[in-house]
C-alpha atoms as a PDB file:
ATOM      1  CA  UNK A   1      51.880  41.529 -29.543  1.00  0.00           C
ATOM      2  CA  UNK A   2      49.267  42.669 -31.919  1.00  0.00           C
ATOM      3  CA  UNK A   3      47.240  39.978 -31.064  1.00  0.00           C
ATOM      4  CA  UNK A   4      47.567  41.095 -27.268  1.00  0.00           C
ATOM      5  CA  UNK A   5      46.993  45.059 -28.010  1.00  0.00           C
ATOM      6  CA  UNK A   6      43.842  45.000 -30.066  1.00  0.00           C
ATOM      7  CA  UNK A   7      42.103  42.221 -27.445  1.00  0.00           C
ATOM      8  CA  UNK A   8      43.766  44.941 -24.507  1.00  0.00           C
ATOM      9  CA  UNK A   9      41.552  47.177 -26.937  1.00  0.00           C
ATOM     10  CA  UNK A  10      38.900  45.074 -27.055  1.00  0.00           C
ATOM     11  CA  UNK A  11      38.305  44.719 -23.286  1.00  0.00           C
ATOM     12  CA  UNK A  12      38.810  48.456 -22.562  1.00  0.00           C
ATOM     13  CA  UNK A  13      35.798  49.366 -25.230  1.00  0.00           C
ATOM     14  CA  UNK A  14      33.665  46.646 -23.043  1.00  0.00           C
ATOM     15  CA  UNK A  15      34.713  48.239 -19.789  1.00  0.00           C
ATOM     16  CA  UNK A  16      34.527  51.800 -21.606  1.00  0.00           C
ATOM     17  CA  UNK A  17      30.476  50.604 -22.415  1.00  0.00           C
ATOM     18  CA  UNK A  18      30.225  48.976 -18.810  1.00  0.00           C
ATOM     19  CA  UNK A  19      31.121  52.361 -17.607  1.00  0.00           C
ATOM     20  CA  UNK A  20      29.434  53.918 -19.307  1.00  0.00           C
ATOM     21  CA  UNK A  21      25.921  52.066 -18.404  1.00  0.00           C
ATOM     22  CA  UNK A  22      26.395  51.869 -14.953  1.00  0.00           C
ATOM     23  CA  UNK A  23      26.702  55.780 -14.797  1.00  0.00           C
ATOM     24  CA  UNK A  24      23.408  56.344 -16.974  1.00  0.00           C
ATOM     25  CA  UNK A  25      22.502  53.579 -13.549  1.00  0.00           C
ATOM     26  CA  UNK A  26      23.440  55.442 -10.947  1.00  0.00           C
ATOM     27  CA  UNK A  27      21.278  58.998 -12.827  1.00  0.00           C
ATOM     28  CA  UNK A  28      18.715  56.746 -13.052  1.00  0.00           C
ATOM     29  CA  UNK A  29      18.920  55.519  -9.084  1.00  0.00           C
ATOM     30  CA  UNK A  30      19.635  59.105  -8.171  1.00  0.00           C
ATOM     31  CA  UNK A  31      16.613  60.587  -9.981  1.00  0.00           C
ATOM     32  CA  UNK A  32      14.453  57.579  -8.508  1.00  0.00           C
ATOM     33  CA  UNK A  33      15.740  58.853  -5.152  1.00  0.00           C
ATOM     34  CA  UNK A  34      13.937  62.246  -5.591  1.00  0.00           C
ATOM     35  CA  UNK A  35      11.396  60.969  -7.077  1.00  0.00           C
ATOM     36  CA  UNK A  36      10.925  58.690  -4.188  1.00  0.00           C
ATOM     37  CA  UNK A  37      12.113  61.980  -1.971  1.00  0.00           C
ATOM     38  CA  UNK A  38       9.488  64.175  -3.189  1.00  0.00           C
ATOM     39  CA  UNK A  39       6.513  61.369  -2.848  1.00  0.00           C
ATOM     40  CA  UNK A  40       7.583  61.119   1.068  1.00  0.00           C
ATOM     41  CA  UNK A  41       7.106  64.520   1.271  1.00  0.00           C
ATOM     42  CA  UNK A  42       3.587  64.579  -0.292  1.00  0.00           C
ATOM     43  CA  UNK A  43       2.804  61.830   1.867  1.00  0.00           C
ATOM     44  CA  UNK A  44       3.661  63.743   5.190  1.00  0.00           C
ATOM     45  CA  UNK A  45       1.605  66.653   4.316  1.00  0.00           C
ATOM     46  CA  UNK A  46      -1.913  64.791   3.520  1.00  0.00           C
ATOM     47  CA  UNK A  47      -1.229  62.007   6.255  1.00  0.00           C
ATOM     48  CA  UNK A  48      -1.415  65.757   8.447  1.00  0.00           C
ATOM     49  CA  UNK A  49      -4.014  67.228   6.126  1.00  0.00           C
ATOM     50  CA  UNK A  50      -6.414  63.815   7.650  1.00  0.00           C
ATOM     51  CA  UNK A  51      -4.977  64.483  10.754  1.00  0.00           C
ATOM     52  CA  UNK A  52      -6.486  68.021  10.602  1.00  0.00           C
ATOM     53  CA  UNK A  53      -9.539  67.232   9.249  1.00  0.00           C
ATOM     54  CA  UNK A  54     -10.145  64.534  11.445  1.00  0.00           C
ATOM     55  CA  UNK A  55      -9.911  66.383  14.334  1.00  0.00           C
ATOM     56  CA  UNK A  56     -12.026  69.155  12.638  1.00  0.00           C
ATOM     57  CA  UNK A  57     -14.916  66.309  11.694  1.00  0.00           C
ATOM     58  CA  UNK A  58     -14.567  65.059  15.233  1.00  0.00           C
ATOM     59  CA  UNK A  59     -15.709  68.797  16.167  1.00  0.00           C
ATOM     60  CA  UNK A  60     -19.156  68.457  14.154  1.00  0.00           C
ATOM     61  CA  UNK A  61     -22.710  67.455  14.546  1.00  0.00           C
ATOM     62  CA  UNK A  62     -25.939  67.896  13.664  1.00  0.00           C
ATOM     63  CA  UNK A  63     -28.253  70.995  14.202  1.00  0.00           C
ATOM     64  CA  UNK A  64     -31.898  70.978  13.536  1.00  0.00           C
ATOM     65  CA  UNK A  65     -32.418  73.737  11.561  1.00  0.00           C
ATOM     66  CA  UNK A  66     -36.448  73.291  11.915  1.00  0.00           C
ATOM     67  CA  UNK A  67     -36.922  72.873   8.805  1.00  0.00           C
ATOM     68  CA  UNK A  68     -38.320  68.628   8.855  1.00  0.00           C
ATOM     69  CA  UNK A  69     -38.009  67.622  12.568  1.00  0.00           C
ATOM     70  CA  UNK A  70     -36.633  69.507  15.281  1.00  0.00           C
ATOM     71  CA  UNK A  71     -34.557  66.692  16.634  1.00  0.00           C
ATOM     72  CA  UNK A  72     -30.899  66.138  15.013  1.00  0.00           C
ATOM     73  CA  UNK A  73     -29.277  62.832  13.939  1.00  0.00           C
ATOM     74  CA  UNK A  74     -26.465  61.001  14.641  1.00  0.00           C
ATOM     75  CA  UNK A  75     -23.858  62.534  12.034  1.00  0.00           C
ATOM     76  CA  UNK A  76     -22.292  59.325  10.440  1.00  0.00           C
ATOM     77  CA  UNK A  77     -18.209  58.554   9.898  1.00  0.00           C
ATOM     78  CA  UNK A  78     -17.922  56.388   6.642  1.00  0.00           C
ATOM     79  CA  UNK A  79     -15.219  54.306   5.639  1.00  0.00           C
ATOM     80  CA  UNK A  80     -13.447  54.535   2.872  1.00  0.00           C
ATOM     81  CA  UNK A  81     -15.652  51.230   1.001  1.00  0.00           C
ATOM     82  CA  UNK A  82     -18.574  53.480   1.812  1.00  0.00           C
ATOM     83  CA  UNK A  83     -17.217  56.493   0.080  1.00  0.00           C
ATOM     84  CA  UNK A  84     -16.431  54.444  -3.149  1.00  0.00           C
ATOM     85  CA  UNK A  85     -19.718  53.747  -2.929  1.00  0.00           C
ATOM     86  CA  UNK A  86     -21.076  56.672  -2.770  1.00  0.00           C
ATOM     87  CA  UNK A  87     -22.441  57.821  -6.499  1.00  0.00           C
ATOM     88  CA  UNK A  88     -20.855  61.656  -6.363  1.00  0.00           C
ATOM     89  CA  UNK A  89     -23.838  62.881  -8.300  1.00  0.00           C
ATOM     90  CA  UNK A  90     -26.207  61.889  -6.118  1.00  0.00           C
ATOM     91  CA  UNK A  91     -24.393  64.572  -3.486  1.00  0.00           C
ATOM     92  CA  UNK A  92     -26.022  67.497  -3.204  1.00  0.00           C
ATOM     93  CA  UNK A  93     -24.567  70.609  -2.742  1.00  0.00           C
ATOM     94  CA  UNK A  94     -26.567  73.689  -1.665  1.00  0.00           C
ATOM     95  CA  UNK A  95     -25.533  76.919  -0.029  1.00  0.00           C
ATOM     96  CA  UNK A  96     -27.074  79.009   2.871  1.00  0.00           C
ATOM     97  CA  UNK A  97     -28.741  81.327   0.392  1.00  0.00           C
ATOM     98  CA  UNK A  98     -31.214  77.701  -0.818  1.00  0.00           C
ATOM     99  CA  UNK A  99     -31.897  77.311   2.770  1.00  0.00           C
ATOM    100  CA  UNK A 100     -32.845  81.467   3.206  1.00  0.00           C
ATOM    101  CA  UNK A 101     -35.327  80.555  -0.115  1.00  0.00           C
ATOM    102  CA  UNK A 102     -36.501  77.377   1.131  1.00  0.00           C
ATOM    103  CA  UNK A 103     -37.334  78.242   4.526  1.00  0.00           C
ATOM    104  CA  UNK A 104     -39.696  81.772   3.344  1.00  0.00           C
END
């Protein structure tokens, strides 16, 4: 009888340990689901931004400002690989005041 009680106690302890582990796994699962939901929201927002900026870019065109050549060139759209190749240090940023100073 004592042997059966000892076995029952051992099995009960194993069950308790397994239930504790199961609860920890369920907690992690819930945390992961929340993280995935956050990423899905961010992804959806970024996809909307991409659509918006593609629409805005489609409305852009090059215009001559009379500095070099009067003929506007075609505005080229780069793919992801081409964008990655561009060295950010090679990109020059200027504002309208620098153009005005250049002109005159």
